[in-house]
N, C-alpha and C. Protein backbone atom coordinates (compact mmCIF):
# COMPACT_ATOMS: atom_id res chain seq x y z
N MET A 1 100.87 122.19 115.59
CA MET A 1 102.24 122.46 115.18
C MET A 1 102.31 122.91 113.73
N LYS A 2 101.34 122.49 112.91
CA LYS A 2 101.36 122.89 111.50
C LYS A 2 101.27 124.39 111.33
N SER A 3 100.67 125.07 112.28
CA SER A 3 100.55 126.53 112.17
C SER A 3 101.92 127.20 112.27
N TYR A 4 102.94 126.50 112.77
CA TYR A 4 104.28 127.05 112.86
C TYR A 4 105.11 126.80 111.60
N TYR A 5 104.59 126.02 110.65
CA TYR A 5 105.32 125.74 109.42
C TYR A 5 105.57 127.05 108.66
N PRO A 6 106.70 127.16 107.97
CA PRO A 6 106.91 128.30 107.07
C PRO A 6 105.87 128.26 105.93
N ASP A 7 105.65 129.39 105.28
CA ASP A 7 104.62 129.47 104.23
C ASP A 7 104.81 128.42 103.14
N THR A 8 106.02 128.21 102.71
CA THR A 8 106.29 127.24 101.65
C THR A 8 105.89 125.84 102.09
N ALA A 9 106.32 125.45 103.27
CA ALA A 9 105.98 124.12 103.78
C ALA A 9 104.48 123.98 104.01
N ARG A 10 103.82 125.05 104.44
CA ARG A 10 102.37 125.00 104.66
C ARG A 10 101.63 124.77 103.34
N LYS A 11 102.06 125.45 102.27
CA LYS A 11 101.43 125.25 100.96
C LYS A 11 101.63 123.82 100.47
N ILE A 12 102.82 123.30 100.66
CA ILE A 12 103.10 121.93 100.25
C ILE A 12 102.28 120.96 101.08
N GLN A 13 102.19 121.18 102.37
CA GLN A 13 101.40 120.30 103.24
C GLN A 13 99.95 120.29 102.82
N GLU A 14 99.41 121.43 102.44
CA GLU A 14 98.01 121.48 101.98
C GLU A 14 97.82 120.63 100.73
N LYS A 15 98.77 120.70 99.78
CA LYS A 15 98.69 119.88 98.56
C LYS A 15 98.81 118.40 98.91
N VAL A 16 99.70 118.08 99.83
CA VAL A 16 99.86 116.68 100.25
C VAL A 16 98.56 116.16 100.85
N GLU A 17 97.94 116.94 101.71
CA GLU A 17 96.69 116.52 102.34
C GLU A 17 95.57 116.37 101.30
N GLU A 18 95.50 117.29 100.33
CA GLU A 18 94.49 117.18 99.27
C GLU A 18 94.68 115.89 98.48
N GLU A 19 95.91 115.59 98.11
CA GLU A 19 96.18 114.38 97.33
C GLU A 19 95.90 113.12 98.15
N CYS A 20 96.25 113.13 99.43
CA CYS A 20 95.96 111.98 100.28
C CYS A 20 94.45 111.82 100.48
N ASP A 21 93.70 112.92 100.55
CA ASP A 21 92.24 112.83 100.65
C ASP A 21 91.67 112.12 99.43
N LEU A 22 92.22 112.40 98.24
CA LEU A 22 91.75 111.75 97.02
C LEU A 22 92.07 110.26 97.02
N GLN A 23 93.19 109.90 97.64
CA GLN A 23 93.63 108.50 97.67
C GLN A 23 93.10 107.73 98.88
N ASP A 24 92.37 108.39 99.77
CA ASP A 24 91.92 107.79 101.02
C ASP A 24 90.54 107.15 100.85
N TYR A 25 90.54 105.87 100.49
CA TYR A 25 89.30 105.11 100.32
C TYR A 25 89.58 103.66 100.71
N GLU A 26 88.54 102.93 100.92
CA GLU A 26 88.68 101.53 101.31
C GLU A 26 89.40 100.76 100.20
N GLY A 27 90.46 100.06 100.54
CA GLY A 27 91.23 99.30 99.57
C GLY A 27 92.30 100.12 98.87
N SER A 28 92.53 101.33 99.32
CA SER A 28 93.54 102.20 98.70
C SER A 28 94.93 101.59 98.85
N ARG A 29 95.77 101.90 97.88
CA ARG A 29 97.15 101.40 97.94
C ARG A 29 97.95 102.07 99.05
N LEU A 30 97.44 103.17 99.59
CA LEU A 30 98.12 103.81 100.71
C LEU A 30 98.12 102.91 101.94
N TYR A 31 97.15 102.02 102.02
CA TYR A 31 97.00 101.17 103.20
C TYR A 31 97.51 99.75 103.00
N ASP A 32 98.19 99.51 101.88
CA ASP A 32 98.81 98.20 101.69
C ASP A 32 99.84 97.97 102.79
N GLU A 33 100.05 96.71 103.13
CA GLU A 33 101.03 96.41 104.18
C GLU A 33 102.40 96.95 103.79
N TYR A 34 102.77 96.78 102.53
CA TYR A 34 104.02 97.32 102.01
C TYR A 34 103.68 98.21 100.82
N PRO A 35 103.53 99.52 101.05
CA PRO A 35 103.18 100.42 99.93
C PRO A 35 104.23 100.36 98.82
N ASP A 36 103.76 100.49 97.60
CA ASP A 36 104.61 100.42 96.43
C ASP A 36 105.47 101.68 96.33
N ARG A 37 106.78 101.51 96.34
CA ARG A 37 107.71 102.63 96.29
C ARG A 37 107.53 103.44 95.00
N PHE A 38 107.27 102.78 93.89
CA PHE A 38 107.07 103.43 92.61
C PHE A 38 105.83 104.32 92.64
N MET A 39 104.75 103.83 93.22
CA MET A 39 103.51 104.61 93.35
C MET A 39 103.74 105.84 94.24
N LEU A 40 104.44 105.66 95.34
CA LEU A 40 104.72 106.78 96.24
C LEU A 40 105.60 107.82 95.57
N TYR A 41 106.59 107.37 94.79
CA TYR A 41 107.46 108.29 94.08
C TYR A 41 106.65 109.14 93.09
N HIS A 42 105.79 108.48 92.33
CA HIS A 42 105.00 109.22 91.34
C HIS A 42 103.96 110.12 91.98
N LEU A 43 103.42 109.72 93.09
CA LEU A 43 102.51 110.59 93.82
C LEU A 43 103.25 111.84 94.30
N GLY A 44 104.46 111.67 94.78
CA GLY A 44 105.28 112.81 95.19
C GLY A 44 105.63 113.72 94.03
N ARG A 45 105.98 113.14 92.87
CA ARG A 45 106.29 113.95 91.69
C ARG A 45 105.07 114.74 91.22
N LYS A 46 103.90 114.12 91.32
CA LYS A 46 102.66 114.82 90.94
C LYS A 46 102.46 116.05 91.82
N ILE A 47 102.69 115.88 93.11
CA ILE A 47 102.54 117.00 94.05
C ILE A 47 103.58 118.07 93.76
N VAL A 48 104.82 117.67 93.47
CA VAL A 48 105.87 118.64 93.14
C VAL A 48 105.46 119.46 91.92
N ASP A 49 104.95 118.79 90.89
CA ASP A 49 104.53 119.49 89.68
C ASP A 49 103.40 120.47 89.96
N GLU A 50 102.44 120.06 90.80
CA GLU A 50 101.32 120.95 91.15
C GLU A 50 101.82 122.16 91.94
N VAL A 51 102.70 121.92 92.89
CA VAL A 51 103.21 123.01 93.72
C VAL A 51 104.02 123.98 92.87
N ARG A 52 104.86 123.44 91.99
CA ARG A 52 105.67 124.29 91.11
C ARG A 52 104.80 125.16 90.22
N SER A 53 103.71 124.62 89.69
CA SER A 53 102.87 125.38 88.76
C SER A 53 102.02 126.43 89.48
N GLU A 54 101.66 126.19 90.74
CA GLU A 54 100.78 127.10 91.45
C GLU A 54 101.52 128.14 92.29
N ALA A 55 102.68 127.84 92.75
CA ALA A 55 103.39 128.75 93.66
C ALA A 55 104.72 129.16 93.06
N ASP A 56 105.28 130.18 93.62
CA ASP A 56 106.57 130.68 93.16
C ASP A 56 107.67 129.89 93.89
N MET A 57 108.08 128.79 93.30
CA MET A 57 109.05 127.91 93.94
C MET A 57 110.37 127.86 93.18
N GLU A 58 110.66 128.86 92.36
CA GLU A 58 111.90 128.84 91.59
C GLU A 58 113.13 128.91 92.49
N ALA A 59 112.98 129.51 93.66
CA ALA A 59 114.12 129.66 94.57
C ALA A 59 114.57 128.33 95.16
N MET A 60 113.67 127.35 95.19
CA MET A 60 113.99 126.06 95.79
C MET A 60 114.40 125.08 94.68
N SER A 61 115.51 124.41 94.87
CA SER A 61 115.98 123.46 93.86
C SER A 61 115.00 122.29 93.77
N ASP A 62 114.99 121.65 92.61
CA ASP A 62 114.05 120.55 92.37
C ASP A 62 114.28 119.40 93.35
N GLY A 63 115.56 119.12 93.64
CA GLY A 63 115.87 118.03 94.57
C GLY A 63 115.40 118.33 95.98
N LEU A 64 115.60 119.54 96.42
CA LEU A 64 115.18 119.93 97.77
C LEU A 64 113.65 119.94 97.89
N LEU A 65 112.99 120.48 96.88
CA LEU A 65 111.53 120.48 96.88
C LEU A 65 110.98 119.06 96.87
N GLY A 66 111.56 118.20 96.05
CA GLY A 66 111.14 116.81 96.00
C GLY A 66 111.32 116.10 97.33
N ASP A 67 112.45 116.36 97.98
CA ASP A 67 112.72 115.75 99.29
C ASP A 67 111.70 116.21 100.32
N LEU A 68 111.41 117.52 100.33
CA LEU A 68 110.44 118.05 101.29
C LEU A 68 109.06 117.46 101.04
N VAL A 69 108.66 117.36 99.79
CA VAL A 69 107.36 116.77 99.47
C VAL A 69 107.31 115.32 99.92
N GLU A 70 108.36 114.55 99.66
CA GLU A 70 108.36 113.14 100.07
C GLU A 70 108.27 112.99 101.58
N VAL A 71 109.01 113.80 102.32
CA VAL A 71 108.96 113.72 103.79
C VAL A 71 107.56 114.03 104.29
N LEU A 72 106.96 115.11 103.79
CA LEU A 72 105.61 115.47 104.22
C LEU A 72 104.59 114.42 103.78
N LEU A 73 104.75 113.88 102.58
CA LEU A 73 103.84 112.85 102.08
C LEU A 73 103.93 111.59 102.92
N PHE A 74 105.15 111.11 103.18
CA PHE A 74 105.32 109.89 103.96
C PHE A 74 104.80 110.06 105.38
N HIS A 75 105.01 111.23 105.95
CA HIS A 75 104.50 111.48 107.29
C HIS A 75 102.97 111.48 107.29
N GLU A 76 102.36 112.11 106.30
CA GLU A 76 100.90 112.15 106.23
C GLU A 76 100.32 110.74 106.04
N ILE A 77 100.95 109.94 105.19
CA ILE A 77 100.48 108.57 104.98
C ILE A 77 100.63 107.77 106.27
N SER A 78 101.75 107.92 106.96
CA SER A 78 101.95 107.21 108.24
C SER A 78 100.90 107.61 109.26
N ARG A 79 100.60 108.89 109.31
CA ARG A 79 99.59 109.39 110.26
C ARG A 79 98.22 108.79 109.94
N ARG A 80 97.87 108.75 108.67
CA ARG A 80 96.56 108.21 108.29
C ARG A 80 96.50 106.70 108.52
N ARG A 81 97.59 106.00 108.23
CA ARG A 81 97.60 104.55 108.45
C ARG A 81 97.46 104.24 109.93
N CYS A 82 98.15 105.00 110.76
CA CYS A 82 98.09 104.78 112.20
C CYS A 82 96.69 105.10 112.73
N ARG A 83 96.12 106.18 112.24
CA ARG A 83 94.77 106.55 112.68
C ARG A 83 93.77 105.46 112.29
N ARG A 84 93.92 104.90 111.10
CA ARG A 84 93.01 103.86 110.64
C ARG A 84 93.14 102.59 111.47
N ARG A 85 94.39 102.27 111.88
CA ARG A 85 94.61 101.06 112.69
C ARG A 85 94.46 101.32 114.17
N ARG A 86 94.19 102.58 114.51
CA ARG A 86 94.02 103.00 115.90
C ARG A 86 95.25 102.66 116.75
N CYS A 87 96.40 103.08 116.24
CA CYS A 87 97.66 102.88 116.96
C CYS A 87 97.64 103.67 118.26
N ARG A 88 98.30 103.18 119.22
CA ARG A 88 98.44 103.94 120.47
C ARG A 88 99.91 104.26 120.68
N GLY A 89 100.69 103.73 121.44
CA GLY A 89 102.06 104.15 121.65
C GLY A 89 103.08 103.42 120.81
N ASP A 90 102.69 102.39 120.08
CA ASP A 90 103.66 101.54 119.40
C ASP A 90 103.99 101.99 117.98
N PHE A 91 103.58 103.17 117.59
CA PHE A 91 103.78 103.64 116.23
C PHE A 91 105.26 103.81 115.90
N TYR A 92 106.05 104.35 116.81
CA TYR A 92 107.44 104.66 116.52
C TYR A 92 108.41 103.57 116.98
N ARG A 93 107.92 102.45 117.37
CA ARG A 93 108.81 101.37 117.81
C ARG A 93 109.33 100.59 116.67
């Protein structure tokens, strides 16, 4: 389904995956039972800053870009957490 993402969302998703790869290690804060909201916010802001500096994102407002980054980041973290715990159908319950 990622191949259907618009170009902007695809670029952001790639940055999100790169950042999550860096944070994906044993004992990472991404896998805490209750991830720190402050850490997640700053991780999202870091990605926004990287995306803004590398791509032409002037057309997108800062709030909208931040929201899109957070949604993609939270989804990627959820996917990795579920994969690590080997979730089956109970992920969305």
